[in-house]
Amino acid sequence: MDTIPTLLIIGFTNIDENRVLNKKMTILPGGAGYFVALAASRVYQPVGLVTRIGLDFDPTFLYSRVLHEGIKYIKNKKTSRSIQTYFSASDLSQRDITLKPGVSSDVCPSDIPIQWLLHAKHIHIATMPPHQQALFMSFIREKNSHITISIDTDQYLCQNQDNIRSIQKLFKQADMVFVNRQEYALLRDAIDRHPYAIVKQDKDGAILMCKGKIVTKAEISQVSVVDATGAGDVFAGIYLGCMMKGRKSDVCLKESVKAATLFVTQTGIDHLFS
């Protein structure tokens, strides 16, 4: 494709092994970058994904919906495998996550096509260790200071004070931040000073905050959760797609909550495109 994407997603592409107690294990493509990019492409085009994938990852579904010029193949290596082991079948929100790193952890700033970087209007740095996010943040700001940047994190990365300090520093540099309820509790000082913070609140929906004050909120419909893996990333993707379409923040929030709610009712992301 010749179209240069104006919304860029930077993040991992994994193969998720979901092991739910008393249920058959599923093996599906996943990863924060993968979910955000596909969700964003559901409402906005063109979207670019900067990631790395191995030969064990089938990109057909991805290629049919997002521009693929920035996806890097690394031959003779495997994609990282993210294993989710649920603690119980009755509470699917609680899970133990183990990551077996492969090529996707090697995604770096030089992977971004220069034309994408020069023409992008917004870049989202999906969940990854803060030291890697910092490399992208400084690289993007140096190459194109006019791009707005959003960033996401994960409560599993907030297990030590060094990481927390690094994430707080990154949040100060970002134009928009995404967190969930648990992450908000750990990073509250930084988030309450931020002018554009989106807090996902699980069964209570989501809120948009400006310097500690709620600007708007969206409630969630109660559904039976089948698989919550990637729900936060789908939320972010839909929000960014709606934002790029010029929709108001309250509409973006409602559409994001709606899509994430639908997403958790089945396994994988394919059903969002049906």
C-alpha atoms as a PDB file:
ATOM      1  CA  MET A   1       0.000   0.000   0.000  1.00  0.00           C
ATOM      2  CA  ASP A   2       1.176   3.557  -0.762  1.00  0.00           C
ATOM      3  CA  THR A   3      -0.925   5.318   1.857  1.00  0.00           C
ATOM      4  CA  ILE A   4       1.172   6.635   4.737  1.00  0.00           C
ATOM      5  CA  PRO A   5      -0.519   5.994   8.103  1.00  0.00           C
ATOM      6  CA  THR A   6      -1.314   8.984  10.274  1.00  0.00           C
ATOM      7  CA  LEU A   7      -1.903   6.931  13.439  1.00  0.00           C
ATOM      8  CA  LEU A   8       1.068   4.775  14.500  1.00  0.00           C
ATOM      9  CA  ILE A   9       1.024   2.009  17.092  1.00  0.00           C
ATOM     10  CA  ILE A  10       4.309   0.778  18.544  1.00  0.00           C
ATOM     11  CA  GLY A  11       4.221  -2.459  20.509  1.00  0.00           C
ATOM     12  CA  PHE A  12       4.633  -6.191  20.860  1.00  0.00           C
ATOM     13  CA  THR A  13       3.048  -8.919  18.801  1.00  0.00           C
ATOM     14  CA  ASN A  14       2.797 -12.181  20.730  1.00  0.00           C
ATOM     15  CA  ILE A  15       1.282 -15.617  20.604  1.00  0.00           C
ATOM     16  CA  ASP A  16      -0.977 -15.950  23.655  1.00  0.00           C
ATOM     17  CA  GLU A  17      -1.524 -19.309  25.299  1.00  0.00           C
ATOM     18  CA  ASN A  18      -4.675 -18.953  27.389  1.00  0.00           C
ATOM     19  CA  ARG A  19      -5.029 -21.744  29.922  1.00  0.00           C
ATOM     20  CA  VAL A  20      -8.378 -21.489  31.682  1.00  0.00           C
ATOM     21  CA  LEU A  21      -9.089 -24.042  34.389  1.00  0.00           C
ATOM     22  CA  ASN A  22     -11.434 -26.820  33.263  1.00  0.00           C
ATOM     23  CA  LYS A  23     -11.434 -25.466  29.702  1.00  0.00           C
ATOM     24  CA  LYS A  24      -9.491 -26.197  26.543  1.00  0.00           C
ATOM     25  CA  MET A  25      -6.348 -24.129  26.070  1.00  0.00           C
ATOM     26  CA  THR A  26      -6.417 -21.662  23.178  1.00  0.00           C
ATOM     27  CA  ILE A  27      -3.403 -20.415  21.233  1.00  0.00           C
ATOM     28  CA  LEU A  28      -4.068 -17.136  19.407  1.00  0.00           C
ATOM     29  CA  PRO A  29      -2.140 -14.115  18.168  1.00  0.00           C
ATOM     30  CA  GLY A  30      -1.994 -11.286  20.660  1.00  0.00           C
ATOM     31  CA  GLY A  31       0.244  -8.666  22.195  1.00  0.00           C
ATOM     32  CA  ALA A  32      -0.411  -5.047  23.138  1.00  0.00           C
ATOM     33  CA  GLY A  33       0.642  -3.596  19.790  1.00  0.00           C
ATOM     34  CA  TYR A  34      -1.399  -6.166  17.863  1.00  0.00           C
ATOM     35  CA  PHE A  35      -4.606  -5.547  19.813  1.00  0.00           C
ATOM     36  CA  VAL A  36      -4.339  -1.737  19.835  1.00  0.00           C
ATOM     37  CA  ALA A  37      -3.606  -1.515  16.102  1.00  0.00           C
ATOM     38  CA  LEU A  38      -6.375  -3.871  15.037  1.00  0.00           C
ATOM     39  CA  ALA A  39      -8.930  -2.194  17.296  1.00  0.00           C
ATOM     40  CA  ALA A  40      -7.956   1.282  16.036  1.00  0.00           C
ATOM     41  CA  SER A  41      -8.260   0.113  12.422  1.00  0.00           C
ATOM     42  CA  ARG A  42     -11.838  -0.914  13.128  1.00  0.00           C
ATOM     43  CA  VAL A  43     -12.879   2.753  13.236  1.00  0.00           C
ATOM     44  CA  TYR A  44     -10.051   4.658  11.536  1.00  0.00           C
ATOM     45  CA  GLN A  45      -7.688   4.309   8.581  1.00  0.00           C
ATOM     46  CA  PRO A  46      -4.813   4.469   7.864  1.00  0.00           C
ATOM     47  CA  VAL A  47      -3.183   2.814  10.892  1.00  0.00           C
ATOM     48  CA  GLY A  48       0.445   1.686  11.005  1.00  0.00           C
ATOM     49  CA  LEU A  49       1.864  -0.953  13.333  1.00  0.00           C
ATOM     50  CA  VAL A  50       5.553  -1.025  14.188  1.00  0.00           C
ATOM     51  CA  THR A  51       6.413  -4.407  15.679  1.00  0.00           C
ATOM     52  CA  ARG A  52       8.485  -7.528  15.081  1.00  0.00           C
ATOM     53  CA  ILE A  53       7.118 -10.953  14.392  1.00  0.00           C
ATOM     54  CA  GLY A  54       8.564 -14.412  13.938  1.00  0.00           C
ATOM     55  CA  LEU A  55       7.877 -17.106  11.390  1.00  0.00           C
ATOM     56  CA  ASP A  56       5.419 -18.805  13.757  1.00  0.00           C
ATOM     57  CA  PHE A  57       3.051 -15.813  13.545  1.00  0.00           C
ATOM     58  CA  ASP A  58       0.491 -15.812  10.727  1.00  0.00           C
ATOM     59  CA  PRO A  59       0.038 -12.142   9.730  1.00  0.00           C
ATOM     60  CA  THR A  60      -2.848 -12.690   7.277  1.00  0.00           C
ATOM     61  CA  PHE A  61      -5.548 -11.306   9.545  1.00  0.00           C
ATOM     62  CA  LEU A  62      -3.326  -8.416  10.557  1.00  0.00           C
ATOM     63  CA  TYR A  63      -2.384  -7.522   6.978  1.00  0.00           C
ATOM     64  CA  SER A  64      -5.997  -7.439   5.871  1.00  0.00           C
ATOM     65  CA  ARG A  65      -6.760  -4.590   8.287  1.00  0.00           C
ATOM     66  CA  VAL A  66      -3.609  -2.574   8.989  1.00  0.00           C
ATOM     67  CA  LEU A  67      -0.809  -1.251   6.810  1.00  0.00           C
ATOM     68  CA  HIS A  68       2.055  -3.703   7.058  1.00  0.00           C
ATOM     69  CA  GLU A  69       5.090  -1.861   5.716  1.00  0.00           C
ATOM     70  CA  GLY A  70       6.536  -1.413   9.205  1.00  0.00           C
ATOM     71  CA  ILE A  71       6.213  -5.017  10.347  1.00  0.00           C
ATOM     72  CA  LYS A  72       9.597  -6.706  10.530  1.00  0.00           C
ATOM     73  CA  TYR A  73      10.185 -10.389   9.849  1.00  0.00           C
ATOM     74  CA  ILE A  74      13.015 -12.006  11.777  1.00  0.00           C
ATOM     75  CA  LYS A  75      13.823 -15.335  10.175  1.00  0.00           C
ATOM     76  CA  ASN A  76      14.577 -18.505  12.133  1.00  0.00           C
ATOM     77  CA  LYS A  77      13.293 -17.085  15.396  1.00  0.00           C
ATOM     78  CA  LYS A  78       9.997 -17.404  17.224  1.00  0.00           C
ATOM     79  CA  THR A  79       7.567 -14.745  18.286  1.00  0.00           C
ATOM     80  CA  SER A  80       7.424 -14.188  22.035  1.00  0.00           C
ATOM     81  CA  ARG A  81       4.829 -16.338  23.770  1.00  0.00           C
ATOM     82  CA  SER A  82       2.745 -14.803  26.516  1.00  0.00           C
ATOM     83  CA  ILE A  83       1.173 -17.443  28.749  1.00  0.00           C
ATOM     84  CA  GLN A  84      -1.903 -16.525  30.761  1.00  0.00           C
ATOM     85  CA  THR A  85      -2.855 -19.002  33.480  1.00  0.00           C
ATOM     86  CA  TYR A  86      -6.134 -18.089  35.116  1.00  0.00           C
ATOM     87  CA  PHE A  87      -6.380 -18.623  38.847  1.00  0.00           C
ATOM     88  CA  SER A  88      -9.982 -19.774  38.585  1.00  0.00           C
ATOM     89  CA  ALA A  89     -12.642 -20.199  35.936  1.00  0.00           C
ATOM     90  CA  SER A  90     -15.062 -18.133  38.036  1.00  0.00           C
ATOM     91  CA  ASP A  91     -12.849 -15.053  38.208  1.00  0.00           C
ATOM     92  CA  LEU A  92     -11.281 -14.525  34.798  1.00  0.00           C
ATOM     93  CA  SER A  93      -9.886 -11.119  35.707  1.00  0.00           C
ATOM     94  CA  GLN A  94      -7.243 -12.714  37.927  1.00  0.00           C
ATOM     95  CA  ARG A  95      -4.450 -14.403  36.022  1.00  0.00           C
ATOM     96  CA  ASP A  96      -0.780 -15.213  36.219  1.00  0.00           C
ATOM     97  CA  ILE A  97       1.156 -13.906  33.217  1.00  0.00           C
ATOM     98  CA  THR A  98       4.503 -15.309  32.168  1.00  0.00           C
ATOM     99  CA  LEU A  99       6.334 -14.007  29.113  1.00  0.00           C
ATOM    100  CA  LYS A 100       8.796 -16.092  27.145  1.00  0.00           C
ATOM    101  CA  PRO A 101      10.713 -13.396  25.224  1.00  0.00           C
ATOM    102  CA  GLY A 102      11.453 -13.849  21.540  1.00  0.00           C
ATOM    103  CA  VAL A 103      11.960 -11.400  18.723  1.00  0.00           C
ATOM    104  CA  SER A 104       9.153  -9.046  19.673  1.00  0.00           C
ATOM    105  CA  SER A 105      11.142  -7.724  22.627  1.00  0.00           C
ATOM    106  CA  ASP A 106      13.719  -6.426  20.119  1.00  0.00           C
ATOM    107  CA  VAL A 107      11.408  -3.823  18.547  1.00  0.00           C
ATOM    108  CA  CYS A 108      13.354  -0.555  18.505  1.00  0.00           C
ATOM    109  CA  PRO A 109      13.038   3.054  17.282  1.00  0.00           C
ATOM    110  CA  SER A 110      14.933   2.353  14.055  1.00  0.00           C
ATOM    111  CA  ASP A 111      12.081   0.037  13.015  1.00  0.00           C
ATOM    112  CA  ILE A 112       9.801   3.042  12.446  1.00  0.00           C
ATOM    113  CA  PRO A 113       9.713   3.899   8.719  1.00  0.00           C
ATOM    114  CA  ILE A 114      10.943   7.489   8.429  1.00  0.00           C
ATOM    115  CA  GLN A 115       8.019   8.511   6.197  1.00  0.00           C
ATOM    116  CA  TRP A 116       5.604   7.263   8.835  1.00  0.00           C
ATOM    117  CA  LEU A 117       7.378   9.286  11.507  1.00  0.00           C
ATOM    118  CA  LEU A 118       7.339  12.480   9.464  1.00  0.00           C
ATOM    119  CA  HIS A 119       3.659  12.244   8.476  1.00  0.00           C
ATOM    120  CA  ALA A 120       2.089  10.789  11.620  1.00  0.00           C
ATOM    121  CA  LYS A 121      -0.343  12.886  13.614  1.00  0.00           C
ATOM    122  CA  HIS A 122      -0.408  10.643  16.670  1.00  0.00           C
ATOM    123  CA  ILE A 123       1.783   7.809  18.005  1.00  0.00           C
ATOM    124  CA  HIS A 124       0.764   5.346  20.704  1.00  0.00           C
ATOM    125  CA  ILE A 125       3.473   3.516  22.663  1.00  0.00           C
ATOM    126  CA  ALA A 126       1.758   0.353  23.875  1.00  0.00           C
ATOM    127  CA  THR A 127       2.629  -1.577  27.022  1.00  0.00           C
ATOM    128  CA  MET A 128       6.299  -2.539  27.308  1.00  0.00           C
ATOM    129  CA  PRO A 129       9.042  -2.084  29.926  1.00  0.00           C
ATOM    130  CA  PRO A 130       9.556   1.621  30.719  1.00  0.00           C
ATOM    131  CA  HIS A 131      13.192   1.685  29.595  1.00  0.00           C
ATOM    132  CA  GLN A 132      12.053   0.621  26.110  1.00  0.00           C
ATOM    133  CA  GLN A 133       9.239   3.159  26.078  1.00  0.00           C
ATOM    134  CA  ALA A 134      11.770   5.848  27.047  1.00  0.00           C
ATOM    135  CA  LEU A 135      13.858   5.064  23.955  1.00  0.00           C
ATOM    136  CA  PHE A 136      10.827   5.527  21.698  1.00  0.00           C
ATOM    137  CA  MET A 137       9.708   8.661  23.504  1.00  0.00           C
ATOM    138  CA  SER A 138      13.043  10.470  23.108  1.00  0.00           C
ATOM    139  CA  PHE A 139      13.476   9.265  19.511  1.00  0.00           C
ATOM    140  CA  ILE A 140      10.023  10.472  18.453  1.00  0.00           C
ATOM    141  CA  ARG A 141      10.364  13.855  20.180  1.00  0.00           C
ATOM    142  CA  GLU A 142      13.739  14.399  18.518  1.00  0.00           C
ATOM    143  CA  LYS A 143      12.508  13.518  15.015  1.00  0.00           C
ATOM    144  CA  ASN A 144       9.088  15.200  15.085  1.00  0.00           C
ATOM    145  CA  SER A 145       8.189  17.414  18.020  1.00  0.00           C
ATOM    146  CA  HIS A 146       4.702  18.122  16.612  1.00  0.00           C
ATOM    147  CA  ILE A 147       3.406  14.550  17.010  1.00  0.00           C
ATOM    148  CA  THR A 148       1.126  13.900  19.956  1.00  0.00           C
ATOM    149  CA  ILE A 149       2.028  10.768  21.936  1.00  0.00           C
ATOM    150  CA  SER A 150      -0.039   8.494  24.139  1.00  0.00           C
ATOM    151  CA  ILE A 151       1.362   5.789  26.385  1.00  0.00           C
ATOM    152  CA  ASP A 152       0.058   2.763  28.274  1.00  0.00           C
ATOM    153  CA  THR A 153       1.547   0.665  31.049  1.00  0.00           C
ATOM    154  CA  ASP A 154       0.812  -2.490  33.034  1.00  0.00           C
ATOM    155  CA  GLN A 155       0.451  -3.109  36.737  1.00  0.00           C
ATOM    156  CA  TYR A 156       2.948  -5.980  36.421  1.00  0.00           C
ATOM    157  CA  LEU A 157       5.572  -3.372  35.499  1.00  0.00           C
ATOM    158  CA  CYS A 158       4.835  -1.377  38.662  1.00  0.00           C
ATOM    159  CA  GLN A 159       6.331  -3.907  41.054  1.00  0.00           C
ATOM    160  CA  ASN A 160       9.368  -1.856  42.102  1.00  0.00           C
ATOM    161  CA  GLN A 161      10.056   1.782  42.849  1.00  0.00           C
ATOM    162  CA  ASP A 162      12.572   2.214  40.025  1.00  0.00           C
ATOM    163  CA  ASN A 163       9.966   1.224  37.436  1.00  0.00           C
ATOM    164  CA  ILE A 164       7.334   3.413  39.072  1.00  0.00           C
ATOM    165  CA  ARG A 165       9.636   6.435  38.947  1.00  0.00           C
ATOM    166  CA  SER A 166      10.477   5.699  35.299  1.00  0.00           C
ATOM    167  CA  ILE A 167       6.799   5.390  34.349  1.00  0.00           C
ATOM    168  CA  GLN A 168       5.928   8.612  36.166  1.00  0.00           C
ATOM    169  CA  LYS A 169       8.664  10.410  34.235  1.00  0.00           C
ATOM    170  CA  LEU A 170       7.332   9.030  30.946  1.00  0.00           C
ATOM    171  CA  PHE A 171       3.801  10.092  31.826  1.00  0.00           C
ATOM    172  CA  LYS A 172       4.994  13.680  32.233  1.00  0.00           C
ATOM    173  CA  GLN A 173       6.351  13.608  28.680  1.00  0.00           C
ATOM    174  CA  ALA A 174       3.232  12.045  27.109  1.00  0.00           C
ATOM    175  CA  ASP A 175       0.235  14.003  25.826  1.00  0.00           C
ATOM    176  CA  MET A 176      -2.188  11.247  26.876  1.00  0.00           C
ATOM    177  CA  VAL A 177      -1.939   8.306  29.294  1.00  0.00           C
ATOM    178  CA  PHE A 178      -3.973   5.117  29.707  1.00  0.00           C
ATOM    179  CA  VAL A 179      -4.106   3.246  33.017  1.00  0.00           C
ATOM    180  CA  ASN A 180      -6.408   0.843  34.808  1.00  0.00           C
ATOM    181  CA  ARG A 181      -7.696   1.118  38.367  1.00  0.00           C
ATOM    182  CA  GLN A 182      -4.782  -0.779  39.931  1.00  0.00           C
ATOM    183  CA  GLU A 183      -2.199   1.251  38.018  1.00  0.00           C
ATOM    184  CA  TYR A 184      -3.911   4.475  39.007  1.00  0.00           C
ATOM    185  CA  ALA A 185      -3.501   3.541  42.665  1.00  0.00           C
ATOM    186  CA  LEU A 186       0.241   3.012  42.151  1.00  0.00           C
ATOM    187  CA  LEU A 187       0.810   6.072  39.934  1.00  0.00           C
ATOM    188  CA  ARG A 188      -1.752   8.446  41.352  1.00  0.00           C
ATOM    189  CA  ASP A 189       0.587  11.373  42.005  1.00  0.00           C
ATOM    190  CA  ALA A 190       1.634  11.539  38.343  1.00  0.00           C
ATOM    191  CA  ILE A 191      -1.830  10.874  36.933  1.00  0.00           C
ATOM    192  CA  ASP A 192      -3.561  13.478  39.092  1.00  0.00           C
ATOM    193  CA  ARG A 193      -1.220  16.096  37.613  1.00  0.00           C
ATOM    194  CA  HIS A 194      -1.769  14.995  34.035  1.00  0.00           C
ATOM    195  CA  PRO A 195      -4.084  17.013  31.747  1.00  0.00           C
ATOM    196  CA  TYR A 196      -5.320  13.969  29.788  1.00  0.00           C
ATOM    197  CA  ALA A 197      -5.557  10.691  31.705  1.00  0.00           C
ATOM    198  CA  ILE A 198      -7.928   7.843  30.900  1.00  0.00           C
ATOM    199  CA  VAL A 199      -8.607   5.420  33.745  1.00  0.00           C
ATOM    200  CA  LYS A 200     -10.176   2.045  32.918  1.00  0.00           C
ATOM    201  CA  GLN A 201     -12.244   0.897  35.896  1.00  0.00           C
ATOM    202  CA  ASP A 202     -13.107  -2.688  35.025  1.00  0.00           C
ATOM    203  CA  LYS A 203     -16.781  -3.350  35.811  1.00  0.00           C
ATOM    204  CA  ASP A 204     -17.363   0.340  36.567  1.00  0.00           C
ATOM    205  CA  GLY A 205     -16.533   1.512  33.042  1.00  0.00           C
ATOM    206  CA  ALA A 206     -13.971   4.276  32.498  1.00  0.00           C
ATOM    207  CA  ILE A 207     -13.307   7.925  33.263  1.00  0.00           C
ATOM    208  CA  LEU A 208     -11.403  10.741  31.573  1.00  0.00           C
ATOM    209  CA  MET A 209      -9.502  12.952  34.007  1.00  0.00           C
ATOM    210  CA  CYS A 210      -7.818  16.334  33.733  1.00  0.00           C
ATOM    211  CA  LYS A 211      -5.403  17.093  36.577  1.00  0.00           C
ATOM    212  CA  GLY A 212      -7.241  14.890  39.032  1.00  0.00           C
ATOM    213  CA  LYS A 213     -10.761  15.998  38.118  1.00  0.00           C
ATOM    214  CA  ILE A 214     -13.245  13.821  36.224  1.00  0.00           C
ATOM    215  CA  VAL A 215     -14.144  15.339  32.856  1.00  0.00           C
ATOM    216  CA  THR A 216     -16.480  12.594  31.650  1.00  0.00           C
ATOM    217  CA  LYS A 217     -17.232   8.952  32.374  1.00  0.00           C
ATOM    218  CA  ALA A 218     -18.804   5.964  30.658  1.00  0.00           C
ATOM    219  CA  GLU A 219     -20.626   3.102  32.316  1.00  0.00           C
ATOM    220  CA  ILE A 220     -20.326  -0.524  31.298  1.00  0.00           C
ATOM    221  CA  SER A 221     -22.959  -3.156  30.544  1.00  0.00           C
ATOM    222  CA  GLN A 222     -22.551  -6.300  32.634  1.00  0.00           C
ATOM    223  CA  VAL A 223     -21.583  -9.330  30.544  1.00  0.00           C
ATOM    224  CA  SER A 224     -20.202 -12.819  31.062  1.00  0.00           C
ATOM    225  CA  VAL A 225     -16.418 -12.650  30.718  1.00  0.00           C
ATOM    226  CA  VAL A 226     -14.872 -15.360  28.549  1.00  0.00           C
ATOM    227  CA  ASP A 227     -11.388 -13.907  28.088  1.00  0.00           C
ATOM    228  CA  ALA A 228     -10.186 -10.488  29.274  1.00  0.00           C
ATOM    229  CA  THR A 229      -6.713 -10.759  27.736  1.00  0.00           C
ATOM    230  CA  GLY A 230      -6.073  -7.592  25.731  1.00  0.00           C
ATOM    231  CA  ALA A 231      -9.279  -5.792  26.732  1.00  0.00           C
ATOM    232  CA  GLY A 232      -7.379  -2.706  27.865  1.00  0.00           C
ATOM    233  CA  ASP A 233      -5.478  -2.583  24.581  1.00  0.00           C
ATOM    234  CA  VAL A 234      -8.691  -2.878  22.564  1.00  0.00           C
ATOM    235  CA  PHE A 235     -10.119  -0.056  24.680  1.00  0.00           C
ATOM    236  CA  ALA A 236      -7.108   2.142  23.861  1.00  0.00           C
ATOM    237  CA  GLY A 237      -7.260   1.296  20.154  1.00  0.00           C
ATOM    238  CA  ILE A 238     -10.924   2.189  19.814  1.00  0.00           C
ATOM    239  CA  TYR A 239     -10.403   5.405  21.767  1.00  0.00           C
ATOM    240  CA  LEU A 240      -7.501   6.472  19.566  1.00  0.00           C
ATOM    241  CA  GLY A 241      -9.391   5.586  16.393  1.00  0.00           C
ATOM    242  CA  CYS A 242     -12.403   7.633  17.471  1.00  0.00           C
ATOM    243  CA  MET A 243     -10.153  10.498  18.501  1.00  0.00           C
ATOM    244  CA  MET A 244      -8.475  10.515  15.091  1.00  0.00           C
ATOM    245  CA  LYS A 245     -11.937  10.657  13.504  1.00  0.00           C
ATOM    246  CA  GLY A 246     -12.494  13.906  15.366  1.00  0.00           C
ATOM    247  CA  ARG A 247     -15.101  12.612  17.794  1.00  0.00           C
ATOM    248  CA  LYS A 248     -15.605  14.295  21.160  1.00  0.00           C
ATOM    249  CA  SER A 249     -13.961  12.772  24.225  1.00  0.00           C
ATOM    250  CA  ASP A 250     -17.219  11.569  25.772  1.00  0.00           C
ATOM    251  CA  VAL A 251     -18.086   9.701  22.560  1.00  0.00           C
ATOM    252  CA  CYS A 252     -14.584   8.220  22.375  1.00  0.00           C
ATOM    253  CA  LEU A 253     -14.913   6.966  25.945  1.00  0.00           C
ATOM    254  CA  LYS A 254     -18.355   5.435  25.420  1.00  0.00           C
ATOM    255  CA  GLU A 255     -17.324   3.681  22.197  1.00  0.00           C
ATOM    256  CA  SER A 256     -14.178   2.319  23.864  1.00  0.00           C
ATOM    257  CA  VAL A 257     -16.095   0.903  26.803  1.00  0.00           C
ATOM    258  CA  LYS A 258     -18.669  -0.601  24.455  1.00  0.00           C
ATOM    259  CA  ALA A 259     -16.021  -2.305  22.298  1.00  0.00           C
ATOM    260  CA  ALA A 260     -14.011  -3.616  25.252  1.00  0.00           C
ATOM    261  CA  THR A 261     -17.184  -5.029  26.772  1.00  0.00           C
ATOM    262  CA  LEU A 262     -17.987  -6.875  23.553  1.00  0.00           C
ATOM    263  CA  PHE A 263     -14.385  -8.021  23.216  1.00  0.00           C
ATOM    264  CA  VAL A 264     -14.292  -9.961  26.529  1.00  0.00           C
ATOM    265  CA  THR A 265     -17.366 -12.047  25.639  1.00  0.00           C
ATOM    266  CA  GLN A 266     -15.316 -14.216  23.252  1.00  0.00           C
ATOM    267  CA  THR A 267     -11.749 -15.362  22.784  1.00  0.00           C
ATOM    268  CA  GLY A 268      -9.492 -13.451  20.402  1.00  0.00           C
ATOM    269  CA  ILE A 269     -10.176 -10.278  18.441  1.00  0.00           C
ATOM    270  CA  ASP A 270     -11.618 -11.640  15.181  1.00  0.00           C
ATOM    271  CA  HIS A 271     -15.240 -11.277  16.322  1.00  0.00           C
ATOM    272  CA  LEU A 272     -14.866  -7.492  16.549  1.00  0.00           C
ATOM    273  CA  PHE A 273     -14.601  -7.447  12.748  1.00  0.00           C
ATOM    274  CA  SER A 274     -17.613  -9.619  12.033  1.00  0.00           C
END
